[in-house]
Protein backbone atom coordinates (compact mmCIF):
# COMPACT_ATOMS: atom_id res chain seq x y z
CA MET A 1 10.20 22.07 6.64
CA SER A 2 7.31 21.33 8.98
CA THR A 3 8.00 19.99 12.46
CA LEU A 4 5.55 17.23 11.55
CA HIS A 5 8.25 15.68 9.36
CA CYS A 6 10.14 13.32 11.63
CA ALA A 7 10.83 9.61 11.57
CA PRO A 8 9.23 7.42 14.28
CA SER A 9 11.36 6.32 17.22
CA PRO A 10 12.63 2.70 17.42
CA SER A 11 9.89 1.80 19.90
CA GLU A 12 7.27 3.35 17.62
CA LEU A 13 8.65 1.45 14.64
CA GLU A 14 8.16 -1.76 16.58
CA GLY A 15 4.53 -0.81 17.17
CA PHE A 16 3.98 -0.17 13.46
CA ARG A 17 5.77 -3.41 12.60
CA ARG A 18 3.49 -5.35 14.94
CA THR A 19 0.39 -3.90 13.30
CA GLN A 20 1.71 -4.55 9.79
CA ARG A 21 2.39 -8.18 10.64
CA LEU A 22 -1.10 -8.48 12.11
CA ALA A 23 -2.61 -7.08 8.91
CA TYR A 24 -0.65 -9.47 6.73
CA GLU A 25 -1.56 -12.38 8.98
CA CYS A 26 -5.20 -11.47 8.46
CA ALA A 27 -4.85 -11.40 4.67
CA GLU A 28 -2.95 -14.69 4.56
CA THR A 29 -5.40 -16.41 6.92
CA ILE A 30 -8.50 -15.30 5.01
CA SER A 31 -6.91 -16.09 1.63
CA LYS A 32 -6.48 -19.74 2.67
CA ASP A 33 -10.24 -20.03 3.21
CA LEU A 34 -11.32 -18.46 -0.09
CA LYS A 35 -13.76 -20.55 -2.12
CA PRO A 36 -15.58 -20.16 -5.44
CA GLY A 37 -18.79 -18.20 -5.06
CA MET A 38 -17.61 -15.92 -2.24
CA THR A 39 -18.31 -12.24 -2.87
CA GLU A 40 -15.91 -9.35 -2.36
CA ARG A 41 -18.22 -7.95 0.29
CA HIS A 42 -18.29 -11.22 2.24
CA VAL A 43 -14.50 -11.60 2.16
CA ALA A 44 -13.98 -7.99 3.28
CA HIS A 45 -16.38 -8.66 6.16
CA LEU A 46 -14.41 -11.78 7.15
CA MET A 47 -11.22 -9.70 7.23
CA LYS A 48 -12.85 -7.02 9.36
CA GLU A 49 -14.19 -9.57 11.84
CA TRP A 50 -10.77 -11.27 12.07
CA LEU A 51 -9.03 -7.98 12.79
CA LEU A 52 -11.59 -6.92 15.38
CA ASP A 53 -11.19 -10.30 17.08
CA HIS A 54 -7.42 -9.66 17.25
CA GLY A 55 -7.63 -6.30 19.01
CA VAL A 56 -8.02 -3.77 16.19
CA ASP A 57 -10.25 -0.90 17.30
CA GLU A 58 -9.70 1.72 14.60
CA TRP A 59 -8.82 2.05 10.89
CA PHE A 60 -7.15 4.09 8.26
CA HIS A 61 -9.62 2.24 6.08
CA GLN A 62 -11.64 -0.91 6.57
CA PRO A 63 -10.84 -3.96 4.40
CA PHE A 64 -11.26 -4.00 0.63
CA ALA A 65 -11.41 -7.04 -1.64
CA TRP A 66 -11.26 -7.06 -5.45
CA PHE A 67 -11.76 -10.09 -7.69
CA GLY A 68 -11.09 -10.79 -11.38
CA ASP A 69 -10.73 -7.78 -13.65
CA ARG A 70 -11.48 -5.54 -10.68
CA THR A 71 -7.92 -6.29 -9.54
CA ALA A 72 -6.89 -4.16 -12.52
CA PHE A 73 -9.62 -1.59 -11.74
CA ARG A 74 -11.40 -2.27 -15.03
CA GLY A 75 -14.63 -0.37 -15.49
CA LEU A 76 -14.24 1.76 -12.39
CA ILE A 77 -15.51 5.31 -12.53
CA GLY A 78 -12.80 7.95 -12.88
CA VAL A 79 -11.91 9.12 -9.39
CA LYS A 80 -11.50 12.73 -10.39
CA GLN A 81 -15.08 12.79 -11.64
CA LEU A 82 -16.22 12.28 -8.06
CA GLY A 83 -13.77 14.55 -6.30
CA GLY A 84 -11.74 11.68 -4.84
CA PHE A 85 -14.68 9.51 -3.72
CA ASN A 86 -15.38 6.47 -5.87
CA PRO A 87 -18.06 4.01 -4.71
CA ALA A 88 -16.90 1.50 -7.32
CA PHE A 89 -13.76 0.86 -5.25
CA TYR A 90 -15.76 -0.55 -2.35
CA PRO A 91 -16.21 -4.32 -2.04
CA GLY A 92 -19.15 -5.42 -4.15
CA PHE A 93 -20.97 -8.56 -5.21
CA ARG A 94 -18.39 -9.89 -7.67
CA ARG A 95 -18.07 -13.63 -7.00
CA LEU A 96 -14.76 -15.44 -6.90
CA GLU A 97 -14.18 -18.10 -9.55
CA GLU A 98 -11.52 -20.72 -10.21
CA ASN A 99 -8.24 -19.26 -11.55
CA MET A 100 -9.42 -15.76 -10.75
CA PRO A 101 -6.92 -13.26 -9.29
CA PHE A 102 -7.78 -11.40 -6.11
CA ILE A 103 -6.43 -8.50 -4.05
CA LEU A 104 -7.02 -8.07 -0.32
CA ASP A 105 -6.26 -4.69 1.23
CA CYS A 106 -6.67 -3.52 4.81
CA ALA A 107 -5.43 -0.66 6.98
CA PRO A 108 -6.04 -1.42 10.66
CA THR A 109 -4.98 0.59 13.69
CA TYR A 110 -3.86 -1.34 16.76
CA LYS A 111 -3.03 0.56 19.96
CA GLY A 112 -2.55 3.76 17.96
CA PHE A 113 -0.27 2.21 15.32
CA THR A 114 -1.59 2.01 11.77
CA ALA A 115 -0.54 -0.21 8.89
CA ASP A 116 -1.82 -0.34 5.31
CA ILE A 117 -1.15 -3.54 3.40
CA GLY A 118 -2.00 -5.08 0.04
CA TYR A 119 -1.93 -8.81 -0.64
CA CYS A 120 -2.69 -10.52 -3.92
CA GLY A 121 -3.08 -14.08 -5.08
CA VAL A 122 -5.18 -16.36 -7.24
CA LEU A 123 -7.73 -19.08 -6.55
CA GLY A 124 -5.96 -21.72 -8.59
CA GLU A 125 -3.46 -20.65 -11.24
CA ASN A 126 -2.86 -17.45 -13.18
CA ARG A 127 0.50 -17.26 -14.92
CA MET A 128 0.15 -13.57 -15.73
CA GLN A 129 -0.27 -12.63 -12.10
CA GLU A 130 2.65 -14.90 -11.21
CA ARG A 131 4.85 -12.95 -13.62
CA MET A 132 3.54 -9.64 -12.31
CA MET A 133 4.34 -10.59 -8.72
CA ASP A 134 7.88 -11.48 -9.77
CA ASP A 135 8.25 -8.13 -11.53
CA LEU A 136 6.86 -6.18 -8.57
CA LEU A 137 9.97 -6.98 -6.54
CA GLU A 138 11.92 -4.74 -8.91
CA TYR A 139 9.63 -1.84 -7.95
CA ARG A 140 10.38 -2.48 -4.28
CA GLN A 141 14.12 -2.13 -4.88
CA LEU A 142 13.74 0.83 -7.23
CA ILE A 143 11.69 2.87 -4.76
CA VAL A 144 14.01 2.49 -1.79
CA ASP A 145 17.12 3.08 -3.93
CA LEU A 146 15.78 6.34 -5.37
CA VAL A 147 14.61 7.61 -2.00
CA ARG A 148 18.05 6.87 -0.56
CA ASP A 149 19.50 8.88 -3.44
CA ARG A 150 17.23 11.77 -2.28
CA CYS A 151 15.37 12.02 -5.57
CA LEU A 152 12.25 14.15 -5.46
CA LEU A 153 9.21 12.10 -4.50
CA SER A 154 7.58 13.00 -7.81
CA GLU A 155 10.66 11.66 -9.61
CA VAL A 156 10.43 8.38 -7.71
CA SER A 157 6.78 8.01 -8.66
CA GLN A 158 7.54 8.89 -12.28
CA ALA A 159 10.31 6.25 -12.29
CA VAL A 160 7.73 3.69 -11.13
CA ASP A 161 5.42 4.75 -13.97
CA ASP A 162 8.32 4.43 -16.44
CA LEU A 163 9.14 0.94 -15.18
CA CYS A 164 5.49 -0.01 -15.69
CA SER A 165 5.80 1.10 -19.32
CA ARG A 166 8.99 -0.92 -19.84
CA HIS A 167 7.29 -3.99 -18.40
CA GLY A 168 4.21 -3.44 -20.55
CA TYR A 169 1.91 -2.71 -17.60
CA GLU A 170 -0.38 0.15 -16.70
CA PRO A 171 0.25 2.00 -13.40
CA ARG A 172 -3.14 1.32 -11.84
CA HIS A 173 -2.27 3.19 -8.65
CA LYS A 174 -3.11 6.23 -10.76
CA ALA A 175 -6.76 5.19 -10.35
CA TYR A 176 -6.56 5.70 -6.58
CA PRO A 177 -7.81 8.95 -5.03
CA PHE A 178 -5.42 11.74 -6.10
CA SER A 179 -3.39 9.22 -8.18
CA VAL A 180 -1.21 8.37 -5.19
CA LEU A 181 1.65 5.88 -5.11
CA ALA A 182 1.85 6.31 -1.32
CA HIS A 183 0.56 8.28 1.66
CA ARG A 184 1.87 9.12 5.11
CA VAL A 185 0.99 7.12 8.22
CA GLU A 186 1.15 8.54 11.75
CA LYS A 187 1.05 7.32 15.34
CA LEU A 188 -2.33 8.27 16.79
CA PRO A 189 -2.60 9.74 20.30
CA ASP A 190 -3.99 7.47 23.01
CA ASP A 191 -6.54 10.00 24.28
CA ALA A 192 -9.18 9.27 21.64
CA LYS A 193 -12.64 10.70 22.25
CA THR A 194 -13.91 8.98 19.12
CA ARG A 195 -12.73 6.15 16.91
CA ALA A 196 -15.43 6.71 14.31
CA SER A 197 -15.27 5.86 10.62
CA VAL A 198 -16.97 7.66 7.76
CA LEU A 199 -17.40 5.82 4.44
CA ASN A 200 -15.13 3.09 5.90
CA PHE A 201 -12.26 5.53 6.55
CA GLY A 202 -11.13 6.28 10.08
CA VAL A 203 -11.75 9.89 11.08
CA ARG A 204 -8.57 10.32 13.14
CA ASN A 205 -6.25 8.82 10.50
CA VAL A 206 -7.77 10.94 7.76
CA ALA A 207 -7.49 14.00 10.04
CA GLN A 208 -3.72 13.39 10.22
CA ILE A 209 -3.53 13.49 6.42
CA VAL A 210 -5.48 16.74 6.38
CA ARG A 211 -3.21 18.19 9.08
CA HIS A 212 -0.12 17.39 7.01
CA SER A 213 -1.77 18.78 3.89
CA VAL A 214 -2.40 22.11 5.61
CA ALA A 215 1.18 22.23 6.92
CA GLY A 216 2.41 21.37 3.45
CA LEU A 217 0.81 24.49 2.03
CA ARG A 218 3.39 26.42 4.06
CA ASP A 219 6.51 24.32 3.48
CA GLY A 220 5.83 22.94 -0.01
CA THR A 221 5.37 19.28 0.91
CA SER A 222 2.47 16.84 0.75
CA PRO A 223 1.43 13.70 2.66
CA LEU A 224 0.17 12.30 -0.68
CA TRP A 225 2.98 10.95 -2.84
CA SER A 226 2.36 10.90 -6.59
CA SER A 227 3.89 11.91 -9.92
CA ASP A 228 2.18 15.29 -9.71
CA LYS A 229 3.53 18.75 -8.91
CA ARG A 230 2.57 18.51 -5.22
CA SER A 231 5.27 15.83 -4.77
CA GLU A 232 8.06 17.88 -6.32
CA HIS A 233 10.04 17.95 -3.07
CA PRO A 234 12.76 15.82 -1.45
CA PRO A 235 11.76 12.78 0.62
CA THR A 236 10.22 13.90 3.88
CA PRO A 237 11.09 11.90 7.00
CA GLY A 238 8.31 9.75 8.35
CA LEU A 239 6.42 6.57 7.62
CA TRP A 240 4.85 6.00 4.21
CA ALA A 241 2.41 3.32 3.02
CA VAL A 242 3.64 2.56 -0.51
CA GLU A 243 1.56 0.61 -3.05
CA PRO A 244 2.72 0.15 -6.65
CA HIS A 245 -0.32 -1.35 -8.39
CA ILE A 246 0.17 -2.70 -11.91
CA GLY A 247 -2.33 -4.03 -14.42
CA ILE A 248 -2.49 -5.65 -17.83
CA GLY A 249 -5.74 -6.65 -19.46
CA ALA A 250 -8.03 -8.17 -16.83
CA VAL A 251 -5.28 -8.90 -14.30
CA GLY A 252 -3.94 -6.61 -11.58
CA ALA A 253 -1.32 -7.14 -8.90
CA LYS A 254 0.19 -5.09 -6.12
CA TRP A 255 1.79 -5.09 -2.72
CA GLU A 256 1.60 -2.42 -0.08
CA GLU A 257 3.87 -1.96 2.92
CA LEU A 258 5.43 0.69 5.12
CA LEU A 259 8.59 2.56 4.12
CA VAL A 260 10.62 4.44 6.73
CA ILE A 261 12.28 7.66 5.57
CA THR A 262 14.83 9.39 7.78
CA GLU A 263 16.85 12.56 7.22
CA ASP A 264 19.53 10.65 5.29
CA ASP A 265 18.29 7.11 4.66
CA ALA A 266 15.29 4.95 3.82
CA PHE A 267 14.40 1.32 4.52
CA TRP A 268 11.39 -0.95 4.46
CA LEU A 269 9.92 -1.39 7.90
CA ASP A 270 9.97 -5.18 7.66
CA ASP A 271 11.44 -7.67 5.18
CA ASP A 272 9.31 -10.46 6.63
CA VAL A 273 6.37 -9.72 4.34
CA PRO A 274 4.63 -12.22 2.02
CA HIS A 275 5.81 -10.86 -1.33
CA VAL A 276 9.44 -10.83 -0.18
CA GLN A 277 9.20 -14.32 1.32
CA ARG A 278 7.69 -15.50 -1.94
CA GLY A 279 10.64 -13.99 -3.83
CA ILE A 280 13.12 -15.71 -1.53
CA GLU A 281 11.38 -19.06 -2.01
CA ARG A 282 11.46 -18.60 -5.80
CA GLY A 283 15.14 -17.62 -5.71
CA ILE A 284 14.58 -14.16 -7.21
CA TRP A 285 15.17 -12.03 -4.08
CA PRO A 286 17.33 -10.16 -3.32
CA LEU A 287 17.63 -8.70 -6.78
CA ALA A 288 21.08 -8.81 -8.36
CA THR A 289 20.90 -5.32 -9.87
CA ASN A 290 23.92 -3.14 -10.60
CA LYS A 291 22.81 -0.66 -7.94
CA THR A 292 22.39 -3.27 -5.22
CA ARG A 293 25.79 -4.80 -6.07
CA LYS A 294 27.40 -1.35 -5.94
CA ARG A 295 25.74 -0.61 -2.60
CA ALA A 296 26.84 -3.95 -1.16
CA ALA A 297 30.43 -3.31 -2.20
CA ALA A 298 30.54 0.17 -0.64
């Protein structure tokens, strides 16, 4: 296995945790100021300005915002038709309306540490998205349990797809470039000669993905985690941005956060994230599944 595959040190994990909390703080802050008539493009700009004002100087990708049926990626051009680039994913001129679901997504880099988060909500009330957010906590437990059991990454992704089917949802993460459920995240060196972005994606962060992809050609691994053949390998140590995205009809919902994989374990970088806090407040987290009870008794 490539020497690139190693888990971050405790001090590095703290740096990633700090950036993830900053990203979620941005999403929560901007979401409180959402009003009818705002466009996706305007909201994404507000997120970018907030992050820049709080010290962010680089990106994995700049902020996205999706409103209404775009939260379920309805009507978006097939990614594979464009070789992985899909302009329809970028924030557009869709205007927010009452009782309309929204998703905010950003991937800032702060002092070399990158996070990639997804945050969803509704301007008013949407019972379908409420149910979907409840159900998404089951995906969070499923993913970490299967990685701890050292299932192949493709098997974990396929299990997520199967759970979508049992819930009656579509796995909308399959509409992302390369149908990914997750991708690797790396600490960036401090000696940056450029912090440029191309098509809203940070050059250095994307270069890390390319570097891992090249190494993976030799050792049979991939920095892009999906249900496809390229992910038919055991969990590789490192930090992964995981984003199960589900959809039904005109409503989509997701969360995205960082998962730490070590040689013999896996854990979420931080349990103090909005979707978990929401579950605690609603009395549905932690999940009382057979596997979690068995693990607690061990």
